[in-house]
């Protein structure tokens, strides 16, 4: 299932990639509109459509976030540091607290990936989508390998989701290491040259 649904969601981010050049103010406005739509759809109990609106909100925010990075090495540094922060957050930090103590909050902001025929639902948090979009937009902006970046991030994220489904007794796994690895590996030689 992770090999079908996740690539469809990730393909939507790739298809939206031309919007990454729309300008920060436009992207923030579009992200805000998508977030507001997600809230309305959630209130109306149209969860599938709310998931799509949340995806749009987080992806557009990731595109807007790229404006803070003037140099490729800044993005590389973030890709090297963020996984460690995410591992800590999921294991013993804020994400662990929210998932364990306030699960309704996490489920409201996360994008849900239900497993057909089962009660298992795997959620991907906003930072995971935001950084996915950020790294994909960075690959395009800095003339890296966009297709390989998308494939790498999608494949690594799919493996992470599959592990969460497989280990049904685990509350969650950090997804940002997979996203960062999917960005760093296909572009490693170009990032090193920079």
Foldseek 3Di string as FASTA:
>chain_A
DLVPVLVVLLVVLVVCLVCLPVALVVLQVQLVVLQVVLVVCVVVVVQVSSLSSLLSNLLSLLSSVLVVDPDPLVLVVCLVPVVVVLQCCCPPNVVVCCLPPPVVVQVSNWRWDDDPPDPDIDTDHSVLSSNLSNLLSSCVVVVHDNVQLSVQLSVLQSVLVVVCVVPVVRSHGRSSNSNSCSSCVRRVVVSVVD
